[in-house]
All heavy atoms as atom14 arrays in JSON, in Angstrom:
{
  "sequence": "QPQIRTDLGKAFAGRREQAVLQGHIGAVWENGQYKRSRDISKCR",
  "atom14_mask": [
    [1, 1, 1, 1, 1, 1, 1, 1, 1, 0, 0, 0, 0, 0],
    [1, 1, 1, 1, 1, 1, 1, 0, 0, 0, 0, 0, 0, 0],
    [1, 1, 1, 1, 1, 1, 1, 1, 1, 0, 0, 0, 0, 0],
    [1, 1, 1, 1, 1, 1, 1, 1, 0, 0, 0, 0, 0, 0],
    [1, 1, 1, 1, 1, 1, 1, 1, 1, 1, 1, 0, 0, 0],
    [1, 1, 1, 1, 1, 1, 1, 0, 0, 0, 0, 0, 0, 0],
    [1, 1, 1, 1, 1, 1, 1, 1, 0, 0, 0, 0, 0, 0],
    [1, 1, 1, 1, 1, 1, 1, 1, 0, 0, 0, 0, 0, 0],
    [1, 1, 1, 1, 0, 0, 0, 0, 0, 0, 0, 0, 0, 0],
    [1, 1, 1, 1, 1, 1, 1, 1, 1, 0, 0, 0, 0, 0],
    [1, 1, 1, 1, 1, 0, 0, 0, 0, 0, 0, 0, 0, 0],
    [1, 1, 1, 1, 1, 1, 1, 1, 1, 1, 1, 0, 0, 0],
    [1, 1, 1, 1, 1, 0, 0, 0, 0, 0, 0, 0, 0, 0],
    [1, 1, 1, 1, 0, 0, 0, 0, 0, 0, 0, 0, 0, 0],
    [1, 1, 1, 1, 1, 1, 1, 1, 1, 1, 1, 0, 0, 0],
    [1, 1, 1, 1, 1, 1, 1, 1, 1, 1, 1, 0, 0, 0],
    [1, 1, 1, 1, 1, 1, 1, 1, 1, 0, 0, 0, 0, 0],
    [1, 1, 1, 1, 1, 1, 1, 1, 1, 0, 0, 0, 0, 0],
    [1, 1, 1, 1, 1, 0, 0, 0, 0, 0, 0, 0, 0, 0],
    [1, 1, 1, 1, 1, 1, 1, 0, 0, 0, 0, 0, 0, 0],
    [1, 1, 1, 1, 1, 1, 1, 1, 0, 0, 0, 0, 0, 0],
    [1, 1, 1, 1, 1, 1, 1, 1, 1, 0, 0, 0, 0, 0],
    [1, 1, 1, 1, 0, 0, 0, 0, 0, 0, 0, 0, 0, 0],
    [1, 1, 1, 1, 1, 1, 1, 1, 1, 1, 0, 0, 0, 0],
    [1, 1, 1, 1, 1, 1, 1, 1, 0, 0, 0, 0, 0, 0],
    [1, 1, 1, 1, 0, 0, 0, 0, 0, 0, 0, 0, 0, 0],
    [1, 1, 1, 1, 1, 0, 0, 0, 0, 0, 0, 0, 0, 0],
    [1, 1, 1, 1, 1, 1, 1, 0, 0, 0, 0, 0, 0, 0],
    [1, 1, 1, 1, 1, 1, 1, 1, 1, 1, 1, 1, 1, 1],
    [1, 1, 1, 1, 1, 1, 1, 1, 1, 0, 0, 0, 0, 0],
    [1, 1, 1, 1, 1, 1, 1, 1, 0, 0, 0, 0, 0, 0],
    [1, 1, 1, 1, 0, 0, 0, 0, 0, 0, 0, 0, 0, 0],
    [1, 1, 1, 1, 1, 1, 1, 1, 1, 0, 0, 0, 0, 0],
    [1, 1, 1, 1, 1, 1, 1, 1, 1, 1, 1, 1, 0, 0],
    [1, 1, 1, 1, 1, 1, 1, 1, 1, 0, 0, 0, 0, 0],
    [1, 1, 1, 1, 1, 1, 1, 1, 1, 1, 1, 0, 0, 0],
    [1, 1, 1, 1, 1, 1, 0, 0, 0, 0, 0, 0, 0, 0],
    [1, 1, 1, 1, 1, 1, 1, 1, 1, 1, 1, 0, 0, 0],
    [1, 1, 1, 1, 1, 1, 1, 1, 0, 0, 0, 0, 0, 0],
    [1, 1, 1, 1, 1, 1, 1, 1, 0, 0, 0, 0, 0, 0],
    [1, 1, 1, 1, 1, 1, 0, 0, 0, 0, 0, 0, 0, 0],
    [1, 1, 1, 1, 1, 1, 1, 1, 1, 0, 0, 0, 0, 0],
    [1, 1, 1, 1, 1, 1, 0, 0, 0, 0, 0, 0, 0, 0],
    [1, 1, 1, 1, 1, 1, 1, 1, 1, 1, 1, 0, 0, 0]
  ],
  "atom14_positions": [
    [[-62.02, 22.98, -58.15], [-61.92, 24.42, -58.37], [-63.21, 25.17, -58.48], [-64.1, 24.61, -59.28], [-61.06, 24.59, -59.72], [-60.41, 25.92, -59.7], [-61.17, 27.04, -60.54], [-62.29, 26.61, -61.04], [-60.74, 28.16, -60.58], [0.0, 0.0, 0.0], [0.0, 0.0, 0.0], [0.0, 0.0, 0.0], [0.0, 0.0, 0.0], [0.0, 0.0, 0.0]],
    [[-63.44, 26.14, -57.72], [-64.75, 26.77, -57.57], [-65.29, 27.27, -58.96], [-66.49, 27.11, -59.18], [-64.64, 27.81, -56.56], [-63.47, 27.44, -55.75], [-62.51, 26.74, -56.66], [0.0, 0.0, 0.0], [0.0, 0.0, 0.0], [0.0, 0.0, 0.0], [0.0, 0.0, 0.0], [0.0, 0.0, 0.0], [0.0, 0.0, 0.0], [0.0, 0.0, 0.0]],
    [[-64.53, 27.98, -59.66], [-65.07, 28.65, -60.85], [-65.57, 27.65, -61.92], [-66.63, 27.96, -62.52], [-64.03, 29.59, -61.46], [-64.56, 30.46, -62.59], [-65.56, 31.33, -62.17], [-65.44, 32.02, -61.21], [-66.69, 31.39, -62.76], [0.0, 0.0, 0.0], [0.0, 0.0, 0.0], [0.0, 0.0, 0.0], [0.0, 0.0, 0.0], [0.0, 0.0, 0.0]],
    [[-64.93, 26.54, -62.11], [-65.37, 25.69, -63.19], [-66.71, 25.07, -62.8], [-67.55, 24.73, -63.56], [-64.31, 24.57, -63.59], [-64.74, 23.7, -64.63], [-63.96, 23.82, -62.22], [-65.17, 24.33, -65.95], [0.0, 0.0, 0.0], [0.0, 0.0, 0.0], [0.0, 0.0, 0.0], [0.0, 0.0, 0.0], [0.0, 0.0, 0.0], [0.0, 0.0, 0.0]],
    [[-66.8, 24.75, -61.44], [-68.03, 24.2, -60.84], [-69.23, 25.24, -61.1], [-70.33, 24.92, -61.51], [-67.92, 23.92, -59.5], [-67.03, 22.62, -59.14], [-67.04, 22.28, -57.67], [-66.4, 20.97, -57.43], [-66.47, 20.38, -56.28], [-67.12, 20.81, -55.28], [-65.95, 19.14, -56.13], [0.0, 0.0, 0.0], [0.0, 0.0, 0.0], [0.0, 0.0, 0.0]],
    [[-68.93, 26.47, -60.86], [-69.98, 27.48, -61.07], [-70.32, 27.6, -62.52], [-71.53, 27.61, -62.84], [-69.44, 28.87, -60.55], [-69.25, 28.68, -59.1], [-70.42, 29.92, -60.91], [0.0, 0.0, 0.0], [0.0, 0.0, 0.0], [0.0, 0.0, 0.0], [0.0, 0.0, 0.0], [0.0, 0.0, 0.0], [0.0, 0.0, 0.0], [0.0, 0.0, 0.0]],
    [[-69.29, 27.64, -63.29], [-69.55, 27.62, -64.8], [-70.31, 26.49, -65.39], [-71.24, 26.77, -66.16], [-68.26, 27.82, -65.65], [-67.56, 29.22, -65.31], [-68.32, 30.07, -64.84], [-66.49, 29.35, -65.72], [0.0, 0.0, 0.0], [0.0, 0.0, 0.0], [0.0, 0.0, 0.0], [0.0, 0.0, 0.0], [0.0, 0.0, 0.0], [0.0, 0.0, 0.0]],
    [[-69.96, 25.4, -64.92], [-70.69, 24.03, -65.28], [-72.1, 24.12, -64.84], [-73.2, 23.79, -65.6], [-69.99, 22.86, -64.9], [-68.72, 22.55, -65.53], [-68.06, 21.32, -64.75], [-69.05, 22.1, -67.07], [0.0, 0.0, 0.0], [0.0, 0.0, 0.0], [0.0, 0.0, 0.0], [0.0, 0.0, 0.0], [0.0, 0.0, 0.0], [0.0, 0.0, 0.0]],
    [[-72.38, 24.66, -63.54], [-73.84, 24.8, -63.13], [-74.55, 25.75, -63.98], [-75.73, 25.35, -64.34], [0.0, 0.0, 0.0], [0.0, 0.0, 0.0], [0.0, 0.0, 0.0], [0.0, 0.0, 0.0], [0.0, 0.0, 0.0], [0.0, 0.0, 0.0], [0.0, 0.0, 0.0], [0.0, 0.0, 0.0], [0.0, 0.0, 0.0], [0.0, 0.0, 0.0]],
    [[-74.04, 26.88, -64.43], [-74.66, 27.79, -65.35], [-74.97, 26.95, -66.71], [-76.06, 27.22, -67.31], [-73.83, 29.02, -65.56], [-73.79, 29.96, -64.28], [-72.71, 31.03, -64.55], [-73.03, 31.85, -65.8], [-72.08, 32.93, -66.02], [0.0, 0.0, 0.0], [0.0, 0.0, 0.0], [0.0, 0.0, 0.0], [0.0, 0.0, 0.0], [0.0, 0.0, 0.0]],
    [[-74.03, 26.29, -67.14], [-74.14, 25.68, -68.5], [-75.24, 24.6, -68.45], [-75.92, 24.46, -69.52], [-72.76, 25.09, -68.89], [0.0, 0.0, 0.0], [0.0, 0.0, 0.0], [0.0, 0.0, 0.0], [0.0, 0.0, 0.0], [0.0, 0.0, 0.0], [0.0, 0.0, 0.0], [0.0, 0.0, 0.0], [0.0, 0.0, 0.0], [0.0, 0.0, 0.0]],
    [[-75.38, 23.83, -67.4], [-76.36, 22.88, -67.31], [-77.78, 23.35, -66.87], [-78.81, 22.59, -66.98], [-75.84, 21.77, -66.31], [-74.95, 20.89, -66.72], [-73.56, 20.71, -66.24], [-75.16, 19.98, -67.84], [-72.59, 19.82, -66.58], [-74.21, 19.02, -68.34], [-72.97, 19.0, -67.71], [0.0, 0.0, 0.0], [0.0, 0.0, 0.0], [0.0, 0.0, 0.0]],
    [[-77.8, 24.68, -66.5], [-79.13, 25.23, -66.13], [-80.21, 24.99, -67.13], [-80.04, 25.26, -68.31], [-78.9, 26.63, -65.74], [0.0, 0.0, 0.0], [0.0, 0.0, 0.0], [0.0, 0.0, 0.0], [0.0, 0.0, 0.0], [0.0, 0.0, 0.0], [0.0, 0.0, 0.0], [0.0, 0.0, 0.0], [0.0, 0.0, 0.0], [0.0, 0.0, 0.0]],
    [[-81.29, 24.44, -66.64], [-82.4, 24.23, -67.59], [-82.32, 22.9, -68.32], [-83.33, 22.46, -68.94], [0.0, 0.0, 0.0], [0.0, 0.0, 0.0], [0.0, 0.0, 0.0], [0.0, 0.0, 0.0], [0.0, 0.0, 0.0], [0.0, 0.0, 0.0], [0.0, 0.0, 0.0], [0.0, 0.0, 0.0], [0.0, 0.0, 0.0], [0.0, 0.0, 0.0]],
    [[-81.12, 22.19, -68.24], [-80.96, 20.97, -68.92], [-80.29, 19.9, -68.06], [-79.86, 18.83, -68.54], [-80.0, 21.25, -70.17], [-80.39, 22.3, -71.09], [-79.66, 22.39, -72.31], [-79.94, 21.36, -73.25], [-79.29, 21.32, -74.48], [-78.58, 22.29, -74.92], [-79.56, 20.21, -75.29], [0.0, 0.0, 0.0], [0.0, 0.0, 0.0], [0.0, 0.0, 0.0]],
    [[-80.54, 20.06, -66.67], [-79.76, 19.16, -65.87], [-80.31, 17.77, -65.9], [-79.52, 16.8, -65.9], [-80.24, 19.57, -64.41], [-79.86, 18.61, -63.23], [-78.42, 18.32, -63.14], [-78.13, 17.33, -62.17], [-77.91, 16.02, -62.43], [-78.18, 15.57, -63.71], [-77.69, 15.22, -61.43], [0.0, 0.0, 0.0], [0.0, 0.0, 0.0], [0.0, 0.0, 0.0]],
    [[-81.75, 17.58, -66.36], [-82.29, 16.25, -66.48], [-81.74, 15.5, -67.67], [-81.93, 14.25, -67.78], [-83.76, 16.3, -66.54], [-84.46, 16.86, -65.16], [-84.06, 16.09, -63.99], [-84.01, 14.8, -64.1], [-83.71, 16.72, -62.94], [0.0, 0.0, 0.0], [0.0, 0.0, 0.0], [0.0, 0.0, 0.0], [0.0, 0.0, 0.0], [0.0, 0.0, 0.0]],
    [[-81.05, 16.18, -68.56], [-80.48, 15.51, -69.67], [-79.14, 14.8, -69.35], [-78.4, 14.13, -70.18], [-80.28, 16.5, -70.92], [-81.52, 16.9, -71.51], [-81.35, 17.98, -72.61], [-81.52, 19.19, -72.42], [-80.71, 17.51, -73.7], [0.0, 0.0, 0.0], [0.0, 0.0, 0.0], [0.0, 0.0, 0.0], [0.0, 0.0, 0.0], [0.0, 0.0, 0.0]],
    [[-78.49, 15.13, -68.27], [-77.12, 14.89, -67.93], [-77.07, 13.82, -66.78], [-77.91, 13.83, -65.9], [-76.41, 16.16, -67.48], [0.0, 0.0, 0.0], [0.0, 0.0, 0.0], [0.0, 0.0, 0.0], [0.0, 0.0, 0.0], [0.0, 0.0, 0.0], [0.0, 0.0, 0.0], [0.0, 0.0, 0.0], [0.0, 0.0, 0.0], [0.0, 0.0, 0.0]],
    [[-76.08, 12.88, -66.91], [-75.67, 12.0, -65.86], [-74.35, 12.48, -65.33], [-73.33, 12.43, -66.06], [-75.61, 10.57, -66.37], [-75.02, 9.66, -65.36], [-76.94, 9.96, -66.97], [0.0, 0.0, 0.0], [0.0, 0.0, 0.0], [0.0, 0.0, 0.0], [0.0, 0.0, 0.0], [0.0, 0.0, 0.0], [0.0, 0.0, 0.0], [0.0, 0.0, 0.0]],
    [[-74.39, 12.95, -64.1], [-73.22, 13.6, -63.54], [-72.54, 12.59, -62.58], [-73.08, 11.97, -61.8], [-73.64, 14.85, -62.67], [-74.17, 15.98, -63.49], [-74.57, 17.17, -62.53], [-73.24, 16.49, -64.57], [0.0, 0.0, 0.0], [0.0, 0.0, 0.0], [0.0, 0.0, 0.0], [0.0, 0.0, 0.0], [0.0, 0.0, 0.0], [0.0, 0.0, 0.0]],
    [[-71.16, 12.67, -62.8], [-70.31, 11.96, -61.8], [-69.62, 13.04, -61.01], [-68.85, 13.79, -61.52], [-69.14, 11.23, -62.68], [-69.57, 9.9, -63.38], [-68.46, 9.06, -63.9], [-68.64, 7.8, -64.15], [-67.29, 9.59, -63.91], [0.0, 0.0, 0.0], [0.0, 0.0, 0.0], [0.0, 0.0, 0.0], [0.0, 0.0, 0.0], [0.0, 0.0, 0.0]],
    [[-69.9, 13.09, -59.71], [-69.38, 14.05, -58.75], [-68.59, 13.28, -57.77], [-68.98, 12.26, -57.22], [0.0, 0.0, 0.0], [0.0, 0.0, 0.0], [0.0, 0.0, 0.0], [0.0, 0.0, 0.0], [0.0, 0.0, 0.0], [0.0, 0.0, 0.0], [0.0, 0.0, 0.0], [0.0, 0.0, 0.0], [0.0, 0.0, 0.0], [0.0, 0.0, 0.0]],
    [[-67.35, 13.89, -57.47], [-66.39, 13.16, -56.7], [-66.43, 13.43, -55.2], [-66.45, 14.68, -54.79], [-65.04, 13.26, -57.33], [-64.82, 12.56, -58.6], [-63.75, 11.76, -58.84], [-65.55, 12.6, -59.79], [-63.92, 11.29, -60.06], [-64.99, 11.75, -60.74], [0.0, 0.0, 0.0], [0.0, 0.0, 0.0], [0.0, 0.0, 0.0], [0.0, 0.0, 0.0]],
    [[-66.4, 12.43, -54.39], [-66.29, 12.48, -52.95], [-64.8, 12.3, -52.52], [-64.23, 11.26, -52.69], [-67.1, 11.51, -52.15], [-68.56, 11.59, -52.66], [-67.02, 11.55, -50.77], [-69.43, 10.39, -52.22], [0.0, 0.0, 0.0], [0.0, 0.0, 0.0], [0.0, 0.0, 0.0], [0.0, 0.0, 0.0], [0.0, 0.0, 0.0], [0.0, 0.0, 0.0]],
    [[-64.11, 13.4, -52.16], [-62.71, 13.38, -51.66], [-61.83, 14.23, -52.55], [-60.61, 14.29, -52.24], [0.0, 0.0, 0.0], [0.0, 0.0, 0.0], [0.0, 0.0, 0.0], [0.0, 0.0, 0.0], [0.0, 0.0, 0.0], [0.0, 0.0, 0.0], [0.0, 0.0, 0.0], [0.0, 0.0, 0.0], [0.0, 0.0, 0.0], [0.0, 0.0, 0.0]],
    [[-62.38, 14.94, -53.48], [-61.54, 15.9, -54.2], [-61.94, 17.25, -53.66], [-63.03, 17.71, -53.67], [-61.93, 15.98, -55.84], [0.0, 0.0, 0.0], [0.0, 0.0, 0.0], [0.0, 0.0, 0.0], [0.0, 0.0, 0.0], [0.0, 0.0, 0.0], [0.0, 0.0, 0.0], [0.0, 0.0, 0.0], [0.0, 0.0, 0.0], [0.0, 0.0, 0.0]],
    [[-60.94, 17.95, -52.96], [-61.07, 19.28, -52.39], [-60.12, 20.24, -52.88], [-59.16, 19.95, -53.59], [-60.95, 19.11, -50.86], [-61.72, 17.88, -50.34], [-59.37, 18.83, -50.46], [0.0, 0.0, 0.0], [0.0, 0.0, 0.0], [0.0, 0.0, 0.0], [0.0, 0.0, 0.0], [0.0, 0.0, 0.0], [0.0, 0.0, 0.0], [0.0, 0.0, 0.0]],
    [[-60.57, 21.54, -52.46], [-59.68, 22.74, -53.1], [-59.07, 23.44, -51.76], [-59.87, 23.95, -50.98], [-60.7, 23.6, -53.75], [-59.97, 24.58, -54.51], [-59.97, 26.01, -54.16], [-59.23, 24.62, -55.76], [-59.26, 26.81, -55.07], [-58.79, 25.98, -56.1], [-58.74, 23.66, -56.73], [-58.08, 26.21, -57.28], [-58.09, 23.93, -57.75], [-57.8, 25.27, -58.05]],
    [[-57.81, 23.36, -51.66], [-57.2, 23.95, -50.66], [-56.02, 24.89, -51.06], [-55.2, 24.5, -51.87], [-56.69, 23.12, -49.55], [-57.73, 22.35, -48.83], [-57.31, 21.38, -47.75], [-56.07, 21.15, -47.78], [-58.05, 20.87, -46.92], [0.0, 0.0, 0.0], [0.0, 0.0, 0.0], [0.0, 0.0, 0.0], [0.0, 0.0, 0.0], [0.0, 0.0, 0.0]],
    [[-55.96, 26.14, -50.49], [-54.94, 27.15, -50.81], [-54.65, 27.15, -52.39], [-53.47, 27.26, -52.92], [-53.55, 26.57, -50.18], [-53.63, 26.6, -48.67], [-54.26, 27.43, -48.03], [-52.97, 25.46, -47.98], [0.0, 0.0, 0.0], [0.0, 0.0, 0.0], [0.0, 0.0, 0.0], [0.0, 0.0, 0.0], [0.0, 0.0, 0.0], [0.0, 0.0, 0.0]],
    [[-55.83, 27.39, -53.16], [-55.69, 27.51, -54.55], [-55.34, 26.26, -55.3], [-54.95, 26.48, -56.5], [0.0, 0.0, 0.0], [0.0, 0.0, 0.0], [0.0, 0.0, 0.0], [0.0, 0.0, 0.0], [0.0, 0.0, 0.0], [0.0, 0.0, 0.0], [0.0, 0.0, 0.0], [0.0, 0.0, 0.0], [0.0, 0.0, 0.0], [0.0, 0.0, 0.0]],
    [[-55.3, 24.98, -54.67], [-54.82, 23.92, -55.4], [-55.91, 22.65, -55.18], [-56.47, 22.62, -54.17], [-53.55, 23.42, -54.97], [-52.4, 24.46, -55.19], [-51.07, 23.84, -54.86], [-50.53, 23.09, -55.46], [-50.44, 24.42, -53.78], [0.0, 0.0, 0.0], [0.0, 0.0, 0.0], [0.0, 0.0, 0.0], [0.0, 0.0, 0.0], [0.0, 0.0, 0.0]],
    [[-55.98, 21.86, -56.1], [-56.65, 20.61, -56.0], [-55.95, 19.68, -55.06], [-54.69, 19.59, -54.94], [-56.74, 19.82, -57.39], [-56.74, 18.32, -57.26], [-58.0, 17.65, -56.92], [-55.71, 17.55, -57.57], [-58.04, 16.32, -56.81], [-55.67, 16.15, -57.51], [-56.8, 15.53, -57.02], [-56.88, 14.15, -57.04], [0.0, 0.0, 0.0], [0.0, 0.0, 0.0]],
    [[-56.65, 18.99, -54.11], [-56.08, 17.95, -53.2], [-57.04, 16.73, -53.03], [-58.26, 16.98, -53.15], [-55.86, 18.61, -51.91], [-55.11, 17.79, -50.83], [-54.9, 18.63, -49.6], [-54.36, 17.7, -48.5], [-54.3, 18.38, -47.29], [0.0, 0.0, 0.0], [0.0, 0.0, 0.0], [0.0, 0.0, 0.0], [0.0, 0.0, 0.0], [0.0, 0.0, 0.0]],
    [[-56.41, 15.58, -52.78], [-57.28, 14.41, -52.5], [-57.29, 14.41, -51.06], [-56.28, 14.47, -50.46], [-56.74, 13.24, -53.13], [-57.48, 12.0, -52.74], [-56.9, 10.67, -53.43], [-55.35, 10.59, -53.16], [-54.7, 9.51, -53.41], [-55.3, 8.53, -54.11], [-53.31, 9.48, -53.14], [0.0, 0.0, 0.0], [0.0, 0.0, 0.0], [0.0, 0.0, 0.0]],
    [[-58.48, 14.14, -50.47], [-58.61, 14.09, -49.01], [-59.5, 13.02, -48.52], [-60.53, 12.65, -49.16], [-59.09, 15.51, -48.49], [-59.33, 15.5, -47.08], [0.0, 0.0, 0.0], [0.0, 0.0, 0.0], [0.0, 0.0, 0.0], [0.0, 0.0, 0.0], [0.0, 0.0, 0.0], [0.0, 0.0, 0.0], [0.0, 0.0, 0.0], [0.0, 0.0, 0.0]],
    [[-59.27, 12.48, -47.34], [-60.05, 11.49, -46.64], [-60.67, 12.1, -45.34], [-61.32, 11.44, -44.55], [-59.38, 10.25, -46.39], [-58.78, 9.57, -47.6], [-59.78, 9.39, -48.72], [-59.14, 8.7, -49.93], [-59.45, 8.9, -50.98], [-60.51, 9.86, -51.37], [-58.96, 8.26, -52.11], [0.0, 0.0, 0.0], [0.0, 0.0, 0.0], [0.0, 0.0, 0.0]],
    [[-60.38, 13.43, -45.14], [-60.96, 14.09, -44.03], [-62.5, 14.25, -44.29], [-62.97, 14.99, -45.16], [-60.39, 15.47, -43.83], [-60.85, 16.3, -42.69], [-62.01, 16.24, -42.3], [-59.97, 16.97, -41.99], [0.0, 0.0, 0.0], [0.0, 0.0, 0.0], [0.0, 0.0, 0.0], [0.0, 0.0, 0.0], [0.0, 0.0, 0.0], [0.0, 0.0, 0.0]],
    [[-63.25, 13.6, -43.44], [-64.73, 13.55, -43.81], [-65.43, 14.91, -43.77], [-66.26, 15.05, -44.54], [-65.48, 12.5, -42.72], [-66.8, 12.19, -43.36], [-65.43, 13.0, -41.34], [-66.87, 11.56, -44.68], [0.0, 0.0, 0.0], [0.0, 0.0, 0.0], [0.0, 0.0, 0.0], [0.0, 0.0, 0.0], [0.0, 0.0, 0.0], [0.0, 0.0, 0.0]],
    [[-64.87, 15.78, -42.93], [-65.57, 17.17, -42.85], [-65.34, 17.78, -44.07], [-66.17, 18.54, -44.7], [-65.02, 17.88, -41.71], [-63.6, 18.14, -41.72], [0.0, 0.0, 0.0], [0.0, 0.0, 0.0], [0.0, 0.0, 0.0], [0.0, 0.0, 0.0], [0.0, 0.0, 0.0], [0.0, 0.0, 0.0], [0.0, 0.0, 0.0], [0.0, 0.0, 0.0]],
    [[-64.07, 17.68, -44.74], [-63.77, 18.32, -46.0], [-64.51, 17.57, -47.12], [-65.11, 18.26, -48.03], [-62.3, 18.13, -46.3], [-61.45, 19.03, -45.23], [-59.95, 18.96, -45.48], [-59.15, 19.74, -44.53], [-57.74, 19.64, -44.72], [0.0, 0.0, 0.0], [0.0, 0.0, 0.0], [0.0, 0.0, 0.0], [0.0, 0.0, 0.0], [0.0, 0.0, 0.0]],
    [[-64.62, 16.31, -47.08], [-65.42, 15.59, -48.11], [-66.85, 15.93, -48.18], [-67.47, 16.11, -49.31], [-65.33, 14.06, -47.87], [-63.78, 13.37, -48.0], [0.0, 0.0, 0.0], [0.0, 0.0, 0.0], [0.0, 0.0, 0.0], [0.0, 0.0, 0.0], [0.0, 0.0, 0.0], [0.0, 0.0, 0.0], [0.0, 0.0, 0.0], [0.0, 0.0, 0.0]],
    [[-67.39, 16.07, -46.95], [-68.83, 16.6, -46.91], [-68.93, 18.07, -47.44], [-69.73, 18.35, -48.27], [-69.33, 16.53, -45.55], [-69.59, 15.13, -44.9], [-70.13, 15.22, -43.47], [-70.42, 13.96, -43.0], [-71.63, 13.39, -43.05], [-72.7, 14.13, -43.62], [-71.93, 12.28, -42.61], [0.0, 0.0, 0.0], [0.0, 0.0, 0.0], [0.0, 0.0, 0.0]]
  ]
}
């Protein structure tokens, strides 16, 4: 979901090196909903 990603980016600003982030490959946002995808273009 775009907004939570944006908010987390702001929250980690200036402290990124203190964090170990797990970011997921294959979790996408379509038509206002979370979706799991293996479409490589969407994953990228």
